[in-house]
């Protein structure tokens, strides 16, 4: 079989961004060429993934649940379910959940 299947039972939740939120690692480093990782991210109500960047890799964020704000040095961008953000390598950004409910995202980090 050339297709790899992973069951949702194997994805364990762990802390992310120093405990600011959580994640489930869906794809590990270079499990697929040029992919550093793919995660199902969780951000609790009132939480923030503080200003950070990803050195040498681009990141895509797909919003599954919640309404909040993404910030970079140029401004603020509201998000809602179904929105997709692309953060180019080395770009400082933060994600804030200003609601009282946990938000969910899919993140994919791609090497240049």
PDB file of N, CA and C in Angstrom:
ATOM      1  N   UNK A   1       0.844  -1.186   0.000  1.00  0.00           N
ATOM      2  CA  UNK A   1       0.000   0.000   0.000  1.00  0.00           C
ATOM      3  C   UNK A   1       0.884   1.241   0.000  1.00  0.00           C
ATOM      4  N   UNK A   2       0.658   2.120  -0.930  1.00  0.00           N
ATOM      5  CA  UNK A   2       1.449   3.344  -1.037  1.00  0.00           C
ATOM      6  C   UNK A   2       0.808   4.519  -0.326  1.00  0.00           C
ATOM      7  N   UNK A   3      -0.436   4.361   0.038  1.00  0.00           N
ATOM      8  CA  UNK A   3      -1.139   5.413   0.764  1.00  0.00           C
ATOM      9  C   UNK A   3      -0.896   5.208   2.245  1.00  0.00           C
ATOM     10  N   UNK A   4      -0.585   6.299   2.938  1.00  0.00           N
ATOM     11  CA  UNK A   4      -0.421   6.238   4.394  1.00  0.00           C
ATOM     12  C   UNK A   4      -1.690   6.764   5.041  1.00  0.00           C
ATOM     13  N   UNK A   5      -2.191   6.022   5.996  1.00  0.00           N
ATOM     14  CA  UNK A   5      -3.362   6.467   6.742  1.00  0.00           C
ATOM     15  C   UNK A   5      -2.978   6.618   8.202  1.00  0.00           C
ATOM     16  N   UNK A   6      -3.427   7.726   8.782  1.00  0.00           N
ATOM     17  CA  UNK A   6      -3.248   7.955  10.215  1.00  0.00           C
ATOM     18  C   UNK A   6      -4.633   8.100  10.822  1.00  0.00           C
ATOM     19  N   UNK A   7      -4.844   7.459  11.923  1.00  0.00           N
ATOM     20  CA  UNK A   7      -6.126   7.525  12.600  1.00  0.00           C
ATOM     21  C   UNK A   7      -6.143   8.666  13.605  1.00  0.00           C
ATOM     22  N   UNK A   8      -7.277   9.311  13.745  1.00  0.00           N
ATOM     23  CA  UNK A   8      -7.381  10.439  14.666  1.00  0.00           C
ATOM     24  C   UNK A   8      -7.065  10.035  16.105  1.00  0.00           C
ATOM     25  N   UNK A   9      -7.202   8.755  16.440  1.00  0.00           N
ATOM     26  CA  UNK A   9      -6.883   8.305  17.795  1.00  0.00           C
ATOM     27  C   UNK A   9      -5.388   8.407  18.094  1.00  0.00           C
ATOM     28  N   UNK A  10      -4.552   8.445  17.061  1.00  0.00           N
ATOM     29  CA  UNK A  10      -3.102   8.498  17.279  1.00  0.00           C
ATOM     30  C   UNK A  10      -2.587   9.920  17.483  1.00  0.00           C
ATOM     31  N   UNK A  11      -3.403  10.912  17.206  1.00  0.00           N
ATOM     32  CA  UNK A  11      -2.985  12.300  17.351  1.00  0.00           C
ATOM     33  C   UNK A  11      -3.204  12.744  18.797  1.00  0.00           C
ATOM     34  N   UNK A  12      -2.126  12.949  19.514  1.00  0.00           N
ATOM     35  CA  UNK A  12      -2.190  13.342  20.922  1.00  0.00           C
ATOM     36  C   UNK A  12      -2.047  14.851  21.069  1.00  0.00           C
ATOM     37  N   UNK A  13      -2.889  15.426  21.898  1.00  0.00           N
ATOM     38  CA  UNK A  13      -2.827  16.872  22.146  1.00  0.00           C
ATOM     39  C   UNK A  13      -1.650  17.185  23.062  1.00  0.00           C
ATOM     40  N   UNK A  14      -0.921  18.267  22.712  1.00  0.00           N
ATOM     41  CA  UNK A  14       0.224  18.719  23.497  1.00  0.00           C
ATOM     42  C   UNK A  14       0.208  20.236  23.561  1.00  0.00           C
ATOM     43  N   UNK A  15       1.004  20.814  24.456  1.00  0.00           N
ATOM     44  CA  UNK A  15       1.110  22.269  24.558  1.00  0.00           C
ATOM     45  C   UNK A  15       1.781  22.839  23.313  1.00  0.00           C
ATOM     46  N   UNK A  16       1.390  24.065  22.967  1.00  0.00           N
ATOM     47  CA  UNK A  16       2.005  24.786  21.847  1.00  0.00           C
ATOM     48  C   UNK A  16       2.308  26.207  22.287  1.00  0.00           C
ATOM     49  N   UNK A  17       3.303  26.810  21.680  1.00  0.00           N
ATOM     50  CA  UNK A  17       3.698  28.197  21.965  1.00  0.00           C
ATOM     51  C   UNK A  17       3.873  28.402  23.463  1.00  0.00           C
ATOM     52  N   UNK A  18       4.657  27.527  24.078  1.00  0.00           N
ATOM     53  CA  UNK A  18       4.957  27.663  25.501  1.00  0.00           C
ATOM     54  C   UNK A  18       3.754  27.506  26.408  1.00  0.00           C
ATOM     55  N   UNK A  19       2.743  26.795  25.951  1.00  0.00           N
ATOM     56  CA  UNK A  19       1.550  26.579  26.762  1.00  0.00           C
ATOM     57  C   UNK A  19       0.451  27.588  26.521  1.00  0.00           C
ATOM     58  N   UNK A  20       0.658  28.532  25.587  1.00  0.00           N
ATOM     59  CA  UNK A  20      -0.372  29.527  25.271  1.00  0.00           C
ATOM     60  C   UNK A  20      -1.588  28.870  24.629  1.00  0.00           C
ATOM     61  N   UNK A  21      -1.362  27.731  23.984  1.00  0.00           N
ATOM     62  CA  UNK A  21      -2.429  26.984  23.331  1.00  0.00           C
ATOM     63  C   UNK A  21      -2.027  25.527  23.240  1.00  0.00           C
ATOM     64  N   UNK A  22      -2.717  24.793  22.399  1.00  0.00           N
ATOM     65  CA  UNK A  22      -2.410  23.382  22.222  1.00  0.00           C
ATOM     66  C   UNK A  22      -2.365  23.019  20.757  1.00  0.00           C
ATOM     67  N   UNK A  23      -1.932  21.762  20.493  1.00  0.00           N
ATOM     68  CA  UNK A  23      -1.891  21.289  19.115  1.00  0.00           C
ATOM     69  C   UNK A  23      -1.876  19.766  19.092  1.00  0.00           C
ATOM     70  N   UNK A  24      -2.255  19.240  17.933  1.00  0.00           N
ATOM     71  CA  UNK A  24      -2.089  17.827  17.623  1.00  0.00           C
ATOM     72  C   UNK A  24      -1.226  17.783  16.369  1.00  0.00           C
ATOM     73  N   UNK A  25      -0.099  17.102  16.442  1.00  0.00           N
ATOM     74  CA  UNK A  25       0.811  17.002  15.300  1.00  0.00           C
ATOM     75  C   UNK A  25       0.229  16.007  14.298  1.00  0.00           C
ATOM     76  N   UNK A  26      -0.145  16.487  13.119  1.00  0.00           N
ATOM     77  CA  UNK A  26      -0.730  15.644  12.085  1.00  0.00           C
ATOM     78  C   UNK A  26       0.336  15.085  11.152  1.00  0.00           C
ATOM     79  N   UNK A  27       1.323  15.919  10.795  1.00  0.00           N
ATOM     80  CA  UNK A  27       2.464  15.500   9.974  1.00  0.00           C
ATOM     81  C   UNK A  27       3.735  15.981  10.647  1.00  0.00           C
ATOM     82  N   UNK A  28       4.712  15.105  10.752  1.00  0.00           N
ATOM     83  CA  UNK A  28       5.982  15.455  11.357  1.00  0.00           C
ATOM     84  C   UNK A  28       6.952  16.038  10.351  1.00  0.00           C
ATOM     85  N   UNK A  29       8.097  16.456  10.855  1.00  0.00           N
ATOM     86  CA  UNK A  29       9.145  17.086  10.051  1.00  0.00           C
ATOM     87  C   UNK A  29       9.544  16.194   8.875  1.00  0.00           C
ATOM     88  N   UNK A  30       9.340  16.720   7.662  1.00  0.00           N
ATOM     89  CA  UNK A  30       9.699  16.075   6.395  1.00  0.00           C
ATOM     90  C   UNK A  30       9.041  14.713   6.172  1.00  0.00           C
ATOM     91  N   UNK A  31       7.936  14.487   6.854  1.00  0.00           N
ATOM     92  CA  UNK A  31       7.150  13.290   6.563  1.00  0.00           C
ATOM     93  C   UNK A  31       6.675  13.350   5.111  1.00  0.00           C
ATOM     94  N   UNK A  32       6.468  14.559   4.642  1.00  0.00           N
ATOM     95  CA  UNK A  32       6.269  14.871   3.225  1.00  0.00           C
ATOM     96  C   UNK A  32       7.351  15.886   2.884  1.00  0.00           C
ATOM     97  N   UNK A  33       8.001  15.706   1.754  1.00  0.00           N
ATOM     98  CA  UNK A  33       9.106  16.601   1.367  1.00  0.00           C
ATOM     99  C   UNK A  33       8.693  18.064   1.514  1.00  0.00           C
ATOM    100  N   UNK A  34       9.573  18.861   2.073  1.00  0.00           N
ATOM    101  CA  UNK A  34       9.413  20.312   2.251  1.00  0.00           C
ATOM    102  C   UNK A  34       8.395  20.715   3.312  1.00  0.00           C
ATOM    103  N   UNK A  35       7.736  19.770   3.966  1.00  0.00           N
ATOM    104  CA  UNK A  35       6.782  20.108   5.024  1.00  0.00           C
ATOM    105  C   UNK A  35       7.464  19.943   6.376  1.00  0.00           C
ATOM    106  N   UNK A  36       7.541  21.028   7.147  1.00  0.00           N
ATOM    107  CA  UNK A  36       8.122  20.948   8.488  1.00  0.00           C
ATOM    108  C   UNK A  36       7.119  20.338   9.453  1.00  0.00           C
ATOM    109  N   UNK A  37       5.848  20.629   9.240  1.00  0.00           N
ATOM    110  CA  UNK A  37       4.821  20.059  10.098  1.00  0.00           C
ATOM    111  C   UNK A  37       3.441  20.539   9.710  1.00  0.00           C
ATOM    112  N   UNK A  38       2.455  19.750  10.108  1.00  0.00           N
ATOM    113  CA  UNK A  38       1.048  20.112   9.943  1.00  0.00           C
ATOM    114  C   UNK A  38       0.397  19.827  11.283  1.00  0.00           C
ATOM    115  N   UNK A  39      -0.276  20.847  11.850  1.00  0.00           N
ATOM    116  CA  UNK A  39      -0.864  20.684  13.170  1.00  0.00           C
ATOM    117  C   UNK A  39      -2.313  21.162  13.199  1.00  0.00           C
ATOM    118  N   UNK A  40      -3.063  20.555  14.089  1.00  0.00           N
ATOM    119  CA  UNK A  40      -4.412  21.011  14.418  1.00  0.00           C
ATOM    120  C   UNK A  40      -4.224  21.835  15.682  1.00  0.00           C
ATOM    121  N   UNK A  41      -4.367  23.153  15.575  1.00  0.00           N
ATOM    122  CA  UNK A  41      -4.081  24.053  16.682  1.00  0.00           C
ATOM    123  C   UNK A  41      -5.316  24.461  17.453  1.00  0.00           C
ATOM    124  N   UNK A  42      -5.120  24.722  18.745  1.00  0.00           N
ATOM    125  CA  UNK A  42      -6.190  25.132  19.643  1.00  0.00           C
ATOM    126  C   UNK A  42      -5.719  26.354  20.424  1.00  0.00           C
ATOM    127  N   UNK A  43      -6.574  27.367  20.524  1.00  0.00           N
ATOM    128  CA  UNK A  43      -6.241  28.567  21.287  1.00  0.00           C
ATOM    129  C   UNK A  43      -7.400  28.857  22.236  1.00  0.00           C
ATOM    130  N   UNK A  44      -7.159  28.805  23.552  1.00  0.00           N
ATOM    131  CA  UNK A  44      -8.256  29.003  24.501  1.00  0.00           C
ATOM    132  C   UNK A  44      -8.805  30.428  24.462  1.00  0.00           C
ATOM    133  N   UNK A  45     -10.016  30.578  24.973  1.00  0.00           N
ATOM    134  CA  UNK A  45     -10.629  31.896  25.065  1.00  0.00           C
ATOM    135  C   UNK A  45      -9.715  32.873  25.769  1.00  0.00           C
ATOM    136  N   UNK A  46      -9.556  34.061  25.200  1.00  0.00           N
ATOM    137  CA  UNK A  46      -8.684  35.081  25.770  1.00  0.00           C
ATOM    138  C   UNK A  46      -7.208  34.838  25.524  1.00  0.00           C
ATOM    139  N   UNK A  47      -6.866  33.767  24.782  1.00  0.00           N
ATOM    140  CA  UNK A  47      -5.468  33.408  24.547  1.00  0.00           C
ATOM    141  C   UNK A  47      -4.861  34.102  23.344  1.00  0.00           C
ATOM    142  N   UNK A  48      -3.532  34.004  23.278  1.00  0.00           N
ATOM    143  CA  UNK A  48      -2.798  34.638  22.189  1.00  0.00           C
ATOM    144  C   UNK A  48      -1.561  33.807  21.866  1.00  0.00           C
ATOM    145  N   UNK A  49      -1.349  33.555  20.576  1.00  0.00           N
ATOM    146  CA  UNK A  49      -0.054  33.070  20.109  1.00  0.00           C
ATOM    147  C   UNK A  49       0.746  34.341  19.872  1.00  0.00           C
ATOM    148  N   UNK A  50       1.579  34.713  20.843  1.00  0.00           N
ATOM    149  CA  UNK A  50       2.288  35.991  20.843  1.00  0.00           C
ATOM    150  C   UNK A  50       3.174  36.146  19.611  1.00  0.00           C
ATOM    151  N   UNK A  51       3.567  37.373  19.359  1.00  0.00           N
ATOM    152  CA  UNK A  51       4.375  37.743  18.206  1.00  0.00           C
ATOM    153  C   UNK A  51       5.537  36.769  18.025  1.00  0.00           C
ATOM    154  N   UNK A  52       5.596  36.151  16.845  1.00  0.00           N
ATOM    155  CA  UNK A  52       6.638  35.172  16.525  1.00  0.00           C
ATOM    156  C   UNK A  52       6.783  35.074  15.008  1.00  0.00           C
ATOM    157  N   UNK A  53       7.835  34.411  14.559  1.00  0.00           N
ATOM    158  CA  UNK A  53       8.032  34.134  13.132  1.00  0.00           C
ATOM    159  C   UNK A  53       8.555  32.712  13.008  1.00  0.00           C
ATOM    160  N   UNK A  54       8.620  32.244  11.773  1.00  0.00           N
ATOM    161  CA  UNK A  54       9.135  30.905  11.487  1.00  0.00           C
ATOM    162  C   UNK A  54      10.315  31.074  10.540  1.00  0.00           C
ATOM    163  N   UNK A  55      11.506  30.917  11.091  1.00  0.00           N
ATOM    164  CA  UNK A  55      12.728  31.156  10.327  1.00  0.00           C
ATOM    165  C   UNK A  55      12.876  30.132   9.203  1.00  0.00           C
ATOM    166  N   UNK A  56      13.002  30.631   7.983  1.00  0.00           N
ATOM    167  CA  UNK A  56      13.273  29.781   6.834  1.00  0.00           C
ATOM    168  C   UNK A  56      12.106  28.967   6.341  1.00  0.00           C
ATOM    169  N   UNK A  57      10.887  29.253   6.838  1.00  0.00           N
ATOM    170  CA  UNK A  57       9.734  28.507   6.333  1.00  0.00           C
ATOM    171  C   UNK A  57       8.490  29.383   6.290  1.00  0.00           C
ATOM    172  N   UNK A  58       7.638  29.079   5.339  1.00  0.00           N
ATOM    173  CA  UNK A  58       6.346  29.734   5.222  1.00  0.00           C
ATOM    174  C   UNK A  58       5.341  28.958   6.066  1.00  0.00           C
ATOM    175  N   UNK A  59       4.252  29.641   6.458  1.00  0.00           N
ATOM    176  CA  UNK A  59       3.214  28.972   7.230  1.00  0.00           C
ATOM    177  C   UNK A  59       1.860  29.342   6.660  1.00  0.00           C
ATOM    178  N   UNK A  60       0.975  28.355   6.553  1.00  0.00           N
ATOM    179  CA  UNK A  60      -0.416  28.588   6.180  1.00  0.00           C
ATOM    180  C   UNK A  60      -1.276  28.265   7.386  1.00  0.00           C
ATOM    181  N   UNK A  61      -2.292  29.093   7.629  1.00  0.00           N
ATOM    182  CA  UNK A  61      -3.229  28.885   8.729  1.00  0.00           C
ATOM    183  C   UNK A  61      -4.641  28.888   8.169  1.00  0.00           C
ATOM    184  N   UNK A  62      -5.367  27.788   8.388  1.00  0.00           N
ATOM    185  CA  UNK A  62      -6.763  27.680   7.978  1.00  0.00           C
ATOM    186  C   UNK A  62      -7.613  27.678   9.247  1.00  0.00           C
ATOM    187  N   UNK A  63      -8.585  28.587   9.314  1.00  0.00           N
ATOM    188  CA  UNK A  63      -9.415  28.735  10.509  1.00  0.00           C
ATOM    189  C   UNK A  63     -10.586  27.752  10.442  1.00  0.00           C
ATOM    190  N   UNK A  64     -10.672  26.895  11.460  1.00  0.00           N
ATOM    191  CA  UNK A  64     -11.771  25.938  11.562  1.00  0.00           C
ATOM    192  C   UNK A  64     -12.909  26.458  12.430  1.00  0.00           C
ATOM    193  N   UNK A  65     -12.561  27.145  13.531  1.00  0.00           N
ATOM    194  CA  UNK A  65     -13.566  27.559  14.507  1.00  0.00           C
ATOM    195  C   UNK A  65     -13.123  28.848  15.193  1.00  0.00           C
ATOM    196  N   UNK A  66     -14.042  29.825  15.276  1.00  0.00           N
ATOM    197  CA  UNK A  66     -13.796  31.041  16.041  1.00  0.00           C
ATOM    198  C   UNK A  66     -13.606  32.287  15.204  1.00  0.00           C
ATOM    199  N   UNK A  67     -13.762  33.416  15.855  1.00  0.00           N
ATOM    200  CA  UNK A  67     -13.545  34.727  15.258  1.00  0.00           C
ATOM    201  C   UNK A  67     -12.522  35.452  16.127  1.00  0.00           C
ATOM    202  N   UNK A  68     -11.465  35.960  15.507  1.00  0.00           N
ATOM    203  CA  UNK A  68     -10.417  36.649  16.244  1.00  0.00           C
ATOM    204  C   UNK A  68      -9.644  37.578  15.340  1.00  0.00           C
ATOM    205  N   UNK A  69      -8.383  37.826  15.706  1.00  0.00           N
ATOM    206  CA  UNK A  69      -7.554  38.787  14.980  1.00  0.00           C
ATOM    207  C   UNK A  69      -6.151  38.229  14.780  1.00  0.00           C
ATOM    208  N   UNK A  70      -5.626  38.433  13.569  1.00  0.00           N
ATOM    209  CA  UNK A  70      -4.224  38.175  13.243  1.00  0.00           C
ATOM    210  C   UNK A  70      -3.564  39.538  13.089  1.00  0.00           C
ATOM    211  N   UNK A  71      -2.340  39.669  13.599  1.00  0.00           N
ATOM    212  CA  UNK A  71      -1.613  40.937  13.476  1.00  0.00           C
ATOM    213  C   UNK A  71      -0.229  40.692  12.892  1.00  0.00           C
ATOM    214  N   UNK A  72       0.222  41.680  12.125  1.00  0.00           N
ATOM    215  CA  UNK A  72       1.621  41.749  11.700  1.00  0.00           C
ATOM    216  C   UNK A  72       2.036  43.205  11.792  1.00  0.00           C
ATOM    217  N   UNK A  73       3.217  43.532  11.335  1.00  0.00           N
ATOM    218  CA  UNK A  73       3.695  44.918  11.475  1.00  0.00           C
ATOM    219  C   UNK A  73       2.897  45.907  10.634  1.00  0.00           C
ATOM    220  N   UNK A  74       2.115  45.420   9.683  1.00  0.00           N
ATOM    221  CA  UNK A  74       1.328  46.305   8.826  1.00  0.00           C
ATOM    222  C   UNK A  74      -0.105  46.515   9.284  1.00  0.00           C
ATOM    223  N   UNK A  75      -0.600  45.693  10.221  1.00  0.00           N
ATOM    224  CA  UNK A  75      -1.982  45.899  10.646  1.00  0.00           C
ATOM    225  C   UNK A  75      -2.622  44.712  11.316  1.00  0.00           C
ATOM    226  N   UNK A  76      -3.963  44.810  11.421  1.00  0.00           N
ATOM    227  CA  UNK A  76      -4.795  43.778  12.026  1.00  0.00           C
ATOM    228  C   UNK A  76      -5.743  43.225  10.981  1.00  0.00           C
ATOM    229  N   UNK A  77      -5.996  41.919  11.068  1.00  0.00           N
ATOM    230  CA  UNK A  77      -6.841  41.245  10.090  1.00  0.00           C
ATOM    231  C   UNK A  77      -7.784  40.305  10.832  1.00  0.00           C
ATOM    232  N   UNK A  78      -9.087  40.599  10.815  1.00  0.00           N
ATOM    233  CA  UNK A  78     -10.022  39.714  11.501  1.00  0.00           C
ATOM    234  C   UNK A  78     -10.068  38.351  10.813  1.00  0.00           C
ATOM    235  N   UNK A  79     -10.334  37.312  11.598  1.00  0.00           N
ATOM    236  CA  UNK A  79     -10.494  35.983  11.005  1.00  0.00           C
ATOM    237  C   UNK A  79     -11.819  35.353  11.426  1.00  0.00           C
ATOM    238  N   UNK A  80     -12.272  34.428  10.590  1.00  0.00           N
ATOM    239  CA  UNK A  80     -13.507  33.685  10.805  1.00  0.00           C
ATOM    240  C   UNK A  80     -13.332  32.295  10.188  1.00  0.00           C
ATOM    241  N   UNK A  81     -14.185  31.340  10.546  1.00  0.00           N
ATOM    242  CA  UNK A  81     -14.064  30.005   9.967  1.00  0.00           C
ATOM    243  C   UNK A  81     -14.053  30.053   8.436  1.00  0.00           C
ATOM    244  N   UNK A  82     -13.141  29.287   7.853  1.00  0.00           N
ATOM    245  CA  UNK A  82     -13.002  29.245   6.402  1.00  0.00           C
ATOM    246  C   UNK A  82     -11.933  30.179   5.859  1.00  0.00           C
ATOM    247  N   UNK A  83     -11.417  31.086   6.702  1.00  0.00           N
ATOM    248  CA  UNK A  83     -10.357  31.994   6.259  1.00  0.00           C
ATOM    249  C   UNK A  83      -9.019  31.264   6.198  1.00  0.00           C
ATOM    250  N   UNK A  84      -8.195  31.655   5.243  1.00  0.00           N
ATOM    251  CA  UNK A  84      -6.854  31.105   5.083  1.00  0.00           C
ATOM    252  C   UNK A  84      -5.860  32.259   5.084  1.00  0.00           C
ATOM    253  N   UNK A  85      -4.829  32.145   5.921  1.00  0.00           N
ATOM    254  CA  UNK A  85      -3.759  33.131   5.986  1.00  0.00           C
ATOM    255  C   UNK A  85      -2.457  32.454   5.571  1.00  0.00           C
ATOM    256  N   UNK A  86      -1.615  33.188   4.845  1.00  0.00           N
ATOM    257  CA  UNK A  86      -0.281  32.703   4.478  1.00  0.00           C
ATOM    258  C   UNK A  86       0.727  33.684   5.051  1.00  0.00           C
ATOM    259  N   UNK A  87       1.602  33.170   5.915  1.00  0.00           N
ATOM    260  CA  UNK A  87       2.654  33.978   6.530  1.00  0.00           C
ATOM    261  C   UNK A  87       3.964  33.604   5.852  1.00  0.00           C
ATOM    262  N   UNK A  88       4.552  34.550   5.141  1.00  0.00           N
ATOM    263  CA  UNK A  88       5.822  34.286   4.482  1.00  0.00           C
ATOM    264  C   UNK A  88       6.917  34.111   5.519  1.00  0.00           C
ATOM    265  N   UNK A  89       7.984  33.438   5.132  1.00  0.00           N
ATOM    266  CA  UNK A  89       9.073  33.149   6.063  1.00  0.00           C
ATOM    267  C   UNK A  89       9.563  34.420   6.748  1.00  0.00           C
ATOM    268  N   UNK A  90       9.905  34.282   8.011  1.00  0.00           N
ATOM    269  CA  UNK A  90      10.495  35.330   8.837  1.00  0.00           C
ATOM    270  C   UNK A  90       9.572  36.523   9.119  1.00  0.00           C
ATOM    271  N   UNK A  91       8.286  36.439   8.777  1.00  0.00           N
ATOM    272  CA  UNK A  91       7.352  37.532   9.039  1.00  0.00           C
ATOM    273  C   UNK A  91       6.795  37.395  10.453  1.00  0.00           C
ATOM    274  N   UNK A  92       6.978  38.434  11.273  1.00  0.00           N
ATOM    275  CA  UNK A  92       6.431  38.435  12.620  1.00  0.00           C
ATOM    276  C   UNK A  92       4.910  38.526  12.552  1.00  0.00           C
ATOM    277  N   UNK A  93       4.236  37.654  13.323  1.00  0.00           N
ATOM    278  CA  UNK A  93       2.783  37.666  13.359  1.00  0.00           C
ATOM    279  C   UNK A  93       2.307  37.139  14.708  1.00  0.00           C
ATOM    280  N   UNK A  94       1.065  37.480  15.060  1.00  0.00           N
ATOM    281  CA  UNK A  94       0.446  36.934  16.255  1.00  0.00           C
ATOM    282  C   UNK A  94      -1.020  36.657  15.972  1.00  0.00           C
ATOM    283  N   UNK A  95      -1.586  35.759  16.768  1.00  0.00           N
ATOM    284  CA  UNK A  95      -2.973  35.349  16.601  1.00  0.00           C
ATOM    285  C   UNK A  95      -3.648  35.506  17.950  1.00  0.00           C
ATOM    286  N   UNK A  96      -4.770  36.231  17.986  1.00  0.00           N
ATOM    287  CA  UNK A  96      -5.444  36.480  19.255  1.00  0.00           C
ATOM    288  C   UNK A  96      -6.892  36.024  19.212  1.00  0.00           C
ATOM    289  N   UNK A  97      -7.271  35.315  20.259  1.00  0.00           N
ATOM    290  CA  UNK A  97      -8.651  34.893  20.474  1.00  0.00           C
ATOM    291  C   UNK A  97      -9.212  35.786  21.571  1.00  0.00           C
ATOM    292  N   UNK A  98     -10.038  36.744  21.208  1.00  0.00           N
ATOM    293  CA  UNK A  98     -10.588  37.672  22.202  1.00  0.00           C
ATOM    294  C   UNK A  98     -11.950  37.208  22.713  1.00  0.00           C
ATOM    295  N   UNK A  99     -12.379  36.028  22.298  1.00  0.00           N
ATOM    296  CA  UNK A  99     -13.654  35.494  22.770  1.00  0.00           C
ATOM    297  C   UNK A  99     -13.432  34.630  24.012  1.00  0.00           C
ATOM    298  N   UNK A 100     -14.492  34.045  24.514  1.00  0.00           N
ATOM    299  CA  UNK A 100     -14.385  33.170  25.687  1.00  0.00           C
ATOM    300  C   UNK A 100     -14.340  31.691  25.295  1.00  0.00           C
ATOM    301  N   UNK A 101     -14.439  31.391  24.002  1.00  0.00           N
ATOM    302  CA  UNK A 101     -14.456  30.003  23.543  1.00  0.00           C
ATOM    303  C   UNK A 101     -13.158  29.630  22.849  1.00  0.00           C
ATOM    304  N   UNK A 102     -12.799  28.362  22.925  1.00  0.00           N
ATOM    305  CA  UNK A 102     -11.590  27.862  22.267  1.00  0.00           C
ATOM    306  C   UNK A 102     -11.742  27.932  20.749  1.00  0.00           C
ATOM    307  N   UNK A 103     -10.689  28.372  20.068  1.00  0.00           N
ATOM    308  CA  UNK A 103     -10.658  28.417  18.603  1.00  0.00           C
ATOM    309  C   UNK A 103      -9.807  27.276  18.080  1.00  0.00           C
ATOM    310  N   UNK A 104     -10.051  26.881  16.809  1.00  0.00           N
ATOM    311  CA  UNK A 104      -9.305  25.792  16.194  1.00  0.00           C
ATOM    312  C   UNK A 104      -8.822  26.192  14.802  1.00  0.00           C
ATOM    313  N   UNK A 105      -7.634  25.678  14.447  1.00  0.00           N
ATOM    314  CA  UNK A 105      -6.987  26.013  13.188  1.00  0.00           C
ATOM    315  C   UNK A 105      -6.237  24.782  12.669  1.00  0.00           C
ATOM    316  N   UNK A 106      -5.916  24.810  11.390  1.00  0.00           N
ATOM    317  CA  UNK A 106      -4.950  23.885  10.804  1.00  0.00           C
ATOM    318  C   UNK A 106      -3.764  24.735  10.371  1.00  0.00           C
ATOM    319  N   UNK A 107      -2.557  24.351  10.808  1.00  0.00           N
ATOM    320  CA  UNK A 107      -1.322  25.039  10.435  1.00  0.00           C
ATOM    321  C   UNK A 107      -0.462  24.090   9.597  1.00  0.00           C
ATOM    322  N   UNK A 108       0.127  24.621   8.527  1.00  0.00           N
ATOM    323  CA  UNK A 108       1.105  23.867   7.731  1.00  0.00           C
ATOM    324  C   UNK A 108       2.323  24.763   7.567  1.00  0.00           C
ATOM    325  N   UNK A 109       3.496  24.225   7.968  1.00  0.00           N
ATOM    326  CA  UNK A 109       4.760  24.960   7.825  1.00  0.00           C
ATOM    327  C   UNK A 109       5.586  24.304   6.733  1.00  0.00           C
ATOM    328  N   UNK A 110       6.028  25.131   5.770  1.00  0.00           N
ATOM    329  CA  UNK A 110       6.673  24.638   4.551  1.00  0.00           C
ATOM    330  C   UNK A 110       8.059  25.248   4.416  1.00  0.00           C
ATOM    331  N   UNK A 111       9.080  24.382   4.287  1.00  0.00           N
ATOM    332  CA  UNK A 111      10.441  24.866   4.056  1.00  0.00           C
ATOM    333  C   UNK A 111      10.533  25.545   2.707  1.00  0.00           C
ATOM    334  N   UNK A 112      11.386  26.573   2.625  1.00  0.00           N
ATOM    335  CA  UNK A 112      11.653  27.236   1.336  1.00  0.00           C
ATOM    336  C   UNK A 112      12.501  26.348   0.470  1.00  0.00           C
TER     337      UNK A 112
END
